[in-house]
Amino acid sequence: MEEKQHIGQLFDRIAGTYDGLNHGLSLNIDRRWRKKTVAKMPSVRHVLDVAIGTADLAIEMLQCGKAEQVTGLDLSRQMMAIGKEKVERLGLKGVDFVFGNAQQMSFEDNTFDAVTCAFGCRNFQNLDEGLREMYRVLKPGGQVTILEFSYPSNPPVRACYDIYFTRVLPFIGRVVSRDKTAYTYLNKSVKSFCWGEQFLQHMREAGFSTEQFTPLTFGIATVYTALKS
């Protein structure tokens, strides 16, 4: 998908309206998804949050006591700038923002106690490379926890989902963000991405074990967990 080649620039363009649209268009369900994702994490010292964006998942981790320190990686400097402002406004400590590509991380092997990623994996140009990098920088015995959009299998839910994601969401996103492509890309990226057992197979091929997935809200999103042996 051509947009993935410039994904950092795409999110730079919509950074200012991203949080408001994200919460509004999901009717704040995305907040519950993040809470359920963090609930599946072990309490550890140092977490790598891949595609940290505006830091919503990192903030949830710190507020729930699931992490003492979070290193956030992202290709959008504007998204991270907003995330840094939010962290400082909340008086939270222990979040470092690093500009970088998830498929070519600069971190040493076996660095982090846990790795997370919320709504970022489908934006990788190469999913397998991204998962292998997550595996490489994770300490043995550590858990990866991934929250990602998926495609509902229930026919009535899927029909409503298609109408909303194909017509309603791109229109509102375009009007509010004033970007013609970003929210059309969201719909395309979700439909073309793997989910469920297919995603678990990619995790296994990256080296992870004890992989599991939990669908959320009729399968609109899914939480994946796995361990590094």
Protein backbone atom coordinates (compact mmCIF):
# COMPACT_ATOMS: atom_id res chain seq x y z
CA MET A 1 0.00 0.00 0.00
CA GLU A 2 1.58 3.24 -1.19
CA GLU A 3 0.60 5.29 1.90
CA LYS A 4 2.74 3.07 4.13
CA GLN A 5 5.88 4.41 2.48
CA HIS A 6 5.13 7.84 3.97
CA ILE A 7 3.20 6.81 7.07
CA GLY A 8 5.05 9.22 9.36
CA GLN A 9 4.15 12.16 7.16
CA LEU A 10 0.52 11.04 6.98
CA PHE A 11 0.21 11.04 10.78
CA ASP A 12 2.14 14.30 11.05
CA ARG A 13 -0.59 15.92 8.94
CA ILE A 14 -3.48 14.75 11.15
CA ALA A 15 -1.74 14.86 14.54
CA GLY A 16 -3.61 17.95 15.73
CA THR A 17 -7.04 16.39 15.29
CA TYR A 18 -6.09 12.74 15.83
CA ASP A 19 -7.11 12.32 19.48
CA GLY A 20 -10.43 14.10 19.13
CA LEU A 21 -11.39 12.16 16.02
CA ASN A 22 -10.15 8.89 17.46
CA HIS A 23 -12.26 9.17 20.60
CA GLY A 24 -15.24 10.78 18.91
CA LEU A 25 -15.53 8.45 15.93
CA SER A 26 -15.21 5.39 18.16
CA LEU A 27 -17.67 6.81 20.72
CA ASN A 28 -14.82 6.50 23.24
CA ILE A 29 -14.77 2.72 22.82
CA ASP A 30 -11.07 2.98 21.95
CA ARG A 31 -10.40 4.01 25.57
CA ARG A 32 -11.96 0.78 26.81
CA TRP A 33 -9.93 -1.20 24.29
CA ARG A 34 -6.72 0.25 25.67
CA LYS A 35 -7.78 -0.49 29.24
CA LYS A 36 -8.48 -4.12 28.32
CA THR A 37 -5.15 -4.32 26.52
CA VAL A 38 -3.21 -3.02 29.50
CA ALA A 39 -5.14 -5.38 31.79
CA LYS A 40 -3.59 -8.29 29.87
CA MET A 41 -0.05 -7.05 30.51
CA PRO A 42 2.20 -8.16 33.38
CA SER A 43 3.59 -5.49 35.68
CA VAL A 44 7.18 -4.83 34.58
CA ARG A 45 9.86 -2.19 34.81
CA HIS A 46 10.66 -1.16 31.24
CA VAL A 47 8.25 -1.35 28.27
CA LEU A 48 8.84 -0.55 24.62
CA ASP A 49 5.68 0.95 23.12
CA VAL A 50 5.95 0.65 19.34
CA ALA A 51 4.02 3.31 17.40
CA ILE A 52 3.45 5.26 20.61
CA GLY A 53 1.69 8.08 18.75
CA THR A 54 0.04 10.47 21.18
CA ALA A 55 0.90 8.15 24.10
CA ASP A 56 -2.58 6.99 25.13
CA LEU A 57 -1.45 3.39 25.72
CA ALA A 58 1.72 4.49 27.53
CA ILE A 59 -0.30 6.77 29.81
CA GLU A 60 -2.71 3.93 30.62
CA MET A 61 0.23 1.65 31.47
CA LEU A 62 1.78 4.17 33.84
CA GLN A 63 -1.49 5.09 35.51
CA CYS A 64 -2.31 1.41 36.09
CA GLY A 65 1.14 0.65 37.44
CA LYS A 66 1.95 -1.84 34.69
CA ALA A 67 5.22 -0.07 33.79
CA GLU A 68 7.79 2.06 35.59
CA GLN A 69 9.40 3.30 32.40
CA VAL A 70 8.14 3.45 28.80
CA THR A 71 10.23 4.00 25.72
CA GLY A 72 8.00 5.04 22.84
CA LEU A 73 8.99 4.61 19.20
CA ASP A 74 7.26 6.33 16.29
CA LEU A 75 7.79 7.74 12.80
CA SER A 76 5.59 10.79 13.43
CA ARG A 77 7.33 13.59 15.29
CA GLN A 78 4.10 15.59 15.51
CA MET A 79 2.18 12.74 17.13
CA MET A 80 4.96 12.26 19.66
CA ALA A 81 5.07 15.99 20.40
CA ILE A 82 1.40 15.87 21.37
CA GLY A 83 2.03 12.73 23.40
CA LYS A 84 4.84 14.43 25.28
CA GLU A 85 2.59 17.39 26.10
CA LYS A 86 -0.09 15.03 27.46
CA VAL A 87 2.40 13.14 29.62
CA GLU A 88 3.80 16.38 31.06
CA ARG A 89 0.32 17.80 31.65
CA LEU A 90 -0.62 14.71 33.65
CA GLY A 91 2.58 14.97 35.71
CA LEU A 92 3.74 11.51 34.68
CA LYS A 93 7.41 10.52 34.67
CA GLY A 94 9.34 7.87 32.84
CA VAL A 95 8.33 8.22 29.18
CA ASP A 96 10.99 8.65 26.51
CA PHE A 97 10.01 9.41 22.91
CA VAL A 98 12.28 8.06 20.17
CA PHE A 99 11.94 8.77 16.46
CA GLY A 100 12.53 5.57 14.54
CA ASN A 101 11.31 2.76 12.32
CA ALA A 102 9.80 -0.30 14.00
CA GLN A 103 11.33 -2.51 11.32
CA GLN A 104 14.87 -1.24 11.98
CA MET A 105 15.11 -0.51 15.69
CA SER A 106 18.32 0.90 17.13
CA PHE A 107 17.90 -0.91 20.46
CA GLU A 108 20.14 -3.77 21.59
CA ASP A 109 18.91 -7.35 21.74
CA ASN A 110 16.98 -8.39 24.89
CA THR A 111 16.52 -4.81 26.13
CA PHE A 112 12.88 -4.56 27.22
CA ASP A 113 10.80 -6.42 29.81
CA ALA A 114 7.69 -6.11 27.63
CA VAL A 115 6.71 -4.75 24.21
CA THR A 116 3.39 -3.20 23.22
CA CYS A 117 1.84 -1.81 20.07
CA ALA A 118 -1.60 -0.23 19.66
CA PHE A 119 -2.99 0.24 16.14
CA GLY A 120 0.48 0.30 14.61
CA CYS A 121 1.19 -3.13 13.16
CA ARG A 122 -1.02 -2.70 10.11
CA ASN A 123 1.01 0.39 9.20
CA PHE A 124 4.28 -1.55 8.92
CA GLN A 125 5.53 -1.87 5.38
CA ASN A 126 6.54 -5.41 6.34
CA LEU A 127 4.65 -6.98 9.26
CA ASP A 128 7.07 -9.89 9.64
CA GLU A 129 10.09 -7.61 9.91
CA GLY A 130 8.33 -5.54 12.56
CA LEU A 131 7.38 -8.59 14.62
CA ARG A 132 10.89 -10.01 14.35
CA GLU A 133 12.29 -6.73 15.66
CA MET A 134 9.84 -6.79 18.58
CA TYR A 135 11.01 -10.33 19.34
CA ARG A 136 14.68 -9.35 19.11
CA VAL A 137 14.54 -6.43 21.57
CA LEU A 138 12.29 -8.28 24.05
CA LYS A 139 13.95 -10.08 26.95
CA PRO A 140 13.50 -13.87 27.18
CA GLY A 141 10.29 -14.60 29.08
CA GLY A 142 8.88 -11.19 28.19
CA GLN A 143 5.41 -10.62 26.73
CA VAL A 144 4.37 -8.74 23.63
CA THR A 145 0.86 -7.24 23.75
CA ILE A 146 -0.68 -5.91 20.55
CA LEU A 147 -3.99 -4.09 20.01
CA GLU A 148 -5.11 -3.87 16.41
CA PHE A 149 -8.20 -3.39 14.31
CA SER A 150 -9.76 -6.52 12.87
CA TYR A 151 -12.69 -7.31 10.59
CA PRO A 152 -15.95 -8.55 12.19
CA SER A 153 -17.08 -12.00 11.05
CA ASN A 154 -20.74 -11.61 12.07
CA PRO A 155 -22.62 -10.63 8.84
CA PRO A 156 -24.93 -7.92 10.31
CA VAL A 157 -22.08 -6.39 12.31
CA ARG A 158 -19.81 -6.53 9.26
CA ALA A 159 -22.44 -4.80 7.11
CA CYS A 160 -22.79 -1.93 9.62
CA TYR A 161 -19.02 -1.79 9.99
CA ASP A 162 -18.55 -1.51 6.22
CA ILE A 163 -21.02 1.35 5.93
CA TYR A 164 -19.43 3.24 8.81
CA PHE A 165 -15.80 2.69 7.77
CA THR A 166 -16.41 3.17 4.05
CA ARG A 167 -18.71 6.20 4.10
CA VAL A 168 -19.19 7.85 7.48
CA LEU A 169 -15.70 7.75 9.00
CA PRO A 170 -13.78 8.92 5.88
CA PHE A 171 -16.22 11.82 5.38
CA ILE A 172 -16.04 13.08 8.97
CA GLY A 173 -12.29 12.49 9.12
CA ARG A 174 -11.76 14.43 5.89
CA VAL A 175 -13.88 17.38 7.04
CA VAL A 176 -12.35 17.65 10.52
CA SER A 177 -8.73 16.86 9.71
CA ARG A 178 -8.86 18.54 6.27
CA ASP A 179 -6.86 15.64 4.93
CA LYS A 180 -8.24 13.88 1.85
CA THR A 181 -6.43 10.57 2.28
CA ALA A 182 -5.78 9.73 5.94
CA TYR A 183 -9.15 8.28 6.92
CA THR A 184 -9.68 6.60 3.57
CA TYR A 185 -6.35 4.90 4.24
CA LEU A 186 -7.62 3.74 7.63
CA ASN A 187 -10.47 1.83 6.00
CA LYS A 188 -8.23 0.31 3.34
CA SER A 189 -5.52 -0.67 5.81
CA VAL A 190 -7.96 -2.49 8.09
CA LYS A 191 -9.59 -4.47 5.29
CA SER A 192 -6.28 -5.53 3.76
CA PHE A 193 -4.70 -6.56 7.09
CA CYS A 194 -4.71 -10.02 8.66
CA TRP A 195 -6.38 -10.79 11.97
CA GLY A 196 -7.17 -13.66 14.33
CA GLU A 197 -5.41 -16.93 13.55
CA GLN A 198 -3.64 -15.43 10.55
CA PHE A 199 -2.00 -12.81 12.74
CA LEU A 200 -1.02 -15.48 15.28
CA GLN A 201 0.75 -17.37 12.51
CA HIS A 202 2.87 -14.31 11.79
CA MET A 203 3.71 -14.10 15.51
CA ARG A 204 4.75 -17.76 15.55
CA GLU A 205 6.95 -17.26 12.49
CA ALA A 206 8.64 -14.34 14.25
CA GLY A 207 9.58 -16.71 17.09
CA PHE A 208 6.87 -16.03 19.66
CA SER A 209 5.08 -18.79 21.57
CA THR A 210 2.00 -19.19 23.78
CA GLU A 211 0.22 -16.79 21.44
CA GLN A 212 -3.44 -15.94 22.08
CA PHE A 213 -6.01 -13.45 20.79
CA THR A 214 -9.11 -11.87 22.29
CA PRO A 215 -11.68 -10.14 20.03
CA LEU A 216 -13.20 -6.90 21.37
CA THR A 217 -16.56 -5.29 20.50
CA PHE A 218 -17.83 -7.91 18.02
CA GLY A 219 -14.35 -8.32 16.57
CA ILE A 220 -13.83 -4.70 15.53
CA ALA A 221 -10.54 -4.80 17.44
CA THR A 222 -8.41 -7.65 18.80
CA VAL A 223 -5.79 -8.00 21.53
CA TYR A 224 -2.91 -10.38 20.83
CA THR A 225 -0.44 -11.64 23.43
CA ALA A 226 2.59 -13.89 23.08
CA LEU A 227 5.83 -14.72 24.88
CA LYS A 228 9.50 -14.85 23.97
CA SER A 229 10.89 -18.19 25.15
